[in-house]
Amino acid sequence: MSEKKRVCMICGKPSEVSICDSCKAQIQGEAIDKKQKIEREVRIGPEMEKEKKKKG
């Protein structure tokens, strides 16, 4: 019987774990970028409302 090869679920390269370290790092980086973008939008939104009220 041949042993089943283990590969990364993302890139398909040989790996002992289900997601290799490079793919894991890339996914985490993308998640952090998205989180930071959302946090910036949340901070900008209330500031814009304050400016609208001052003008109005």
N, C-alpha and C. Protein backbone atom coordinates (compact mmCIF):
# COMPACT_ATOMS: atom_id res chain seq x y z
N MET A 1 0.84 -1.19 0.00
CA MET A 1 0.00 0.00 0.00
C MET A 1 0.87 1.25 0.00
N SER A 2 0.48 2.22 -0.79
CA SER A 2 1.24 3.46 -0.81
C SER A 2 0.66 4.44 0.20
N GLU A 3 1.52 5.23 0.80
CA GLU A 3 1.09 6.21 1.78
C GLU A 3 0.53 7.43 1.06
N LYS A 4 -0.58 7.98 1.58
CA LYS A 4 -1.21 9.15 0.96
C LYS A 4 -0.33 10.38 1.17
N LYS A 5 -0.08 11.13 0.08
CA LYS A 5 0.71 12.35 0.18
C LYS A 5 -0.13 13.43 0.84
N ARG A 6 0.52 14.19 1.72
CA ARG A 6 -0.16 15.30 2.38
C ARG A 6 0.24 16.58 1.68
N VAL A 7 -0.75 17.39 1.36
CA VAL A 7 -0.51 18.65 0.66
C VAL A 7 -1.31 19.77 1.32
N CYS A 8 -0.88 21.01 1.07
CA CYS A 8 -1.58 22.19 1.54
C CYS A 8 -2.92 22.28 0.81
N MET A 9 -3.98 22.59 1.55
CA MET A 9 -5.30 22.71 0.93
C MET A 9 -5.42 23.95 0.05
N ILE A 10 -4.54 24.93 0.23
CA ILE A 10 -4.63 26.17 -0.52
C ILE A 10 -3.82 26.09 -1.82
N CYS A 11 -2.52 25.78 -1.68
CA CYS A 11 -1.63 25.83 -2.86
C CYS A 11 -1.33 24.45 -3.45
N GLY A 12 -1.56 23.39 -2.70
CA GLY A 12 -1.33 22.05 -3.22
C GLY A 12 0.11 21.56 -3.11
N LYS A 13 0.98 22.35 -2.51
CA LYS A 13 2.37 21.94 -2.34
C LYS A 13 2.47 20.96 -1.18
N PRO A 14 3.46 20.08 -1.20
CA PRO A 14 3.61 19.13 -0.09
C PRO A 14 3.73 19.84 1.25
N SER A 15 2.99 19.37 2.25
CA SER A 15 2.99 19.98 3.56
C SER A 15 2.54 18.96 4.60
N GLU A 16 3.11 19.03 5.77
CA GLU A 16 2.73 18.13 6.86
C GLU A 16 1.43 18.58 7.53
N VAL A 17 1.09 19.85 7.36
CA VAL A 17 -0.14 20.39 7.94
C VAL A 17 -1.13 20.74 6.84
N SER A 18 -2.38 20.94 7.21
CA SER A 18 -3.41 21.16 6.20
C SER A 18 -3.24 22.47 5.42
N ILE A 19 -2.69 23.51 6.07
CA ILE A 19 -2.39 24.77 5.38
C ILE A 19 -0.93 25.11 5.69
N CYS A 20 -0.11 25.25 4.64
CA CYS A 20 1.32 25.51 4.84
C CYS A 20 1.54 26.90 5.44
N ASP A 21 2.73 27.12 5.99
CA ASP A 21 3.02 28.38 6.68
C ASP A 21 2.92 29.60 5.77
N SER A 22 3.37 29.49 4.53
CA SER A 22 3.31 30.65 3.64
C SER A 22 1.86 31.02 3.29
N CYS A 23 1.02 30.04 3.06
CA CYS A 23 -0.39 30.32 2.77
C CYS A 23 -1.09 30.87 4.01
N LYS A 24 -0.76 30.31 5.16
CA LYS A 24 -1.34 30.77 6.41
C LYS A 24 -1.00 32.24 6.66
N ALA A 25 0.27 32.60 6.43
CA ALA A 25 0.70 33.98 6.62
C ALA A 25 -0.01 34.92 5.65
N GLN A 26 -0.18 34.50 4.42
CA GLN A 26 -0.85 35.33 3.41
C GLN A 26 -2.31 35.55 3.79
N ILE A 27 -2.98 34.51 4.22
CA ILE A 27 -4.39 34.61 4.61
C ILE A 27 -4.55 35.53 5.82
N GLN A 28 -3.66 35.38 6.80
CA GLN A 28 -3.72 36.23 7.98
C GLN A 28 -3.46 37.69 7.62
N GLY A 29 -2.52 37.92 6.72
CA GLY A 29 -2.22 39.29 6.28
C GLY A 29 -3.40 39.93 5.59
N GLU A 30 -4.08 39.17 4.75
CA GLU A 30 -5.26 39.70 4.06
C GLU A 30 -6.36 40.03 5.06
N ALA A 31 -6.52 39.19 6.07
CA ALA A 31 -7.55 39.42 7.08
C ALA A 31 -7.24 40.68 7.89
N ILE A 32 -5.97 40.89 8.23
CA ILE A 32 -5.57 42.08 8.98
C ILE A 32 -5.81 43.33 8.15
N ASP A 33 -5.46 43.29 6.86
CA ASP A 33 -5.68 44.44 5.98
C ASP A 33 -7.17 44.80 5.92
N LYS A 34 -8.01 43.79 5.77
CA LYS A 34 -9.44 44.02 5.68
C LYS A 34 -9.97 44.61 6.99
N LYS A 35 -9.50 44.08 8.11
CA LYS A 35 -9.92 44.58 9.42
C LYS A 35 -9.52 46.04 9.60
N GLN A 36 -8.30 46.39 9.22
CA GLN A 36 -7.83 47.76 9.35
C GLN A 36 -8.63 48.70 8.45
N LYS A 37 -8.98 48.26 7.25
CA LYS A 37 -9.77 49.08 6.34
C LYS A 37 -11.15 49.36 6.94
N ILE A 38 -11.76 48.34 7.50
CA ILE A 38 -13.07 48.50 8.12
C ILE A 38 -12.98 49.46 9.31
N GLU A 39 -11.94 49.31 10.12
CA GLU A 39 -11.78 50.19 11.28
C GLU A 39 -11.58 51.64 10.85
N ARG A 40 -10.84 51.87 9.76
CA ARG A 40 -10.66 53.23 9.25
C ARG A 40 -11.98 53.81 8.78
N GLU A 41 -12.79 53.01 8.09
CA GLU A 41 -14.08 53.47 7.61
C GLU A 41 -15.01 53.82 8.76
N VAL A 42 -14.94 53.05 9.82
CA VAL A 42 -15.80 53.30 10.98
C VAL A 42 -15.40 54.62 11.64
N ARG A 43 -14.10 54.90 11.72
CA ARG A 43 -13.64 56.15 12.32
C ARG A 43 -13.97 57.34 11.43
N ILE A 44 -13.88 57.19 10.13
CA ILE A 44 -14.12 58.28 9.20
C ILE A 44 -15.61 58.62 9.15
N GLY A 45 -16.47 57.62 9.21
CA GLY A 45 -17.91 57.83 9.13
C GLY A 45 -18.44 58.83 10.14
N PRO A 46 -18.20 58.64 11.44
CA PRO A 46 -18.70 59.59 12.45
C PRO A 46 -18.10 60.99 12.28
N GLU A 47 -16.86 61.09 11.85
CA GLU A 47 -16.24 62.39 11.64
C GLU A 47 -16.95 63.15 10.52
N MET A 48 -17.34 62.45 9.47
CA MET A 48 -18.05 63.08 8.35
C MET A 48 -19.41 63.59 8.82
N GLU A 49 -20.08 62.83 9.67
CA GLU A 49 -21.39 63.25 10.18
C GLU A 49 -21.25 64.53 11.00
N LYS A 50 -20.19 64.62 11.80
CA LYS A 50 -19.98 65.82 12.61
C LYS A 50 -19.80 67.05 11.72
N GLU A 51 -19.02 66.90 10.63
CA GLU A 51 -18.79 68.00 9.72
C GLU A 51 -20.08 68.43 9.03
N LYS A 52 -20.92 67.47 8.67
CA LYS A 52 -22.19 67.78 8.01
C LYS A 52 -23.10 68.59 8.94
N LYS A 53 -23.10 68.22 10.22
CA LYS A 53 -23.94 68.93 11.19
C LYS A 53 -23.44 70.36 11.40
N LYS A 54 -22.13 70.56 11.39
CA LYS A 54 -21.57 71.89 11.57
C LYS A 54 -21.94 72.80 10.41
N LYS A 55 -21.93 72.24 9.17
CA LYS A 55 -22.25 73.03 7.98
C LYS A 55 -23.73 73.33 7.88
N GLY A 56 -24.55 72.42 8.38
CA GLY A 56 -26.00 72.52 8.21
C GLY A 56 -26.67 73.36 9.17
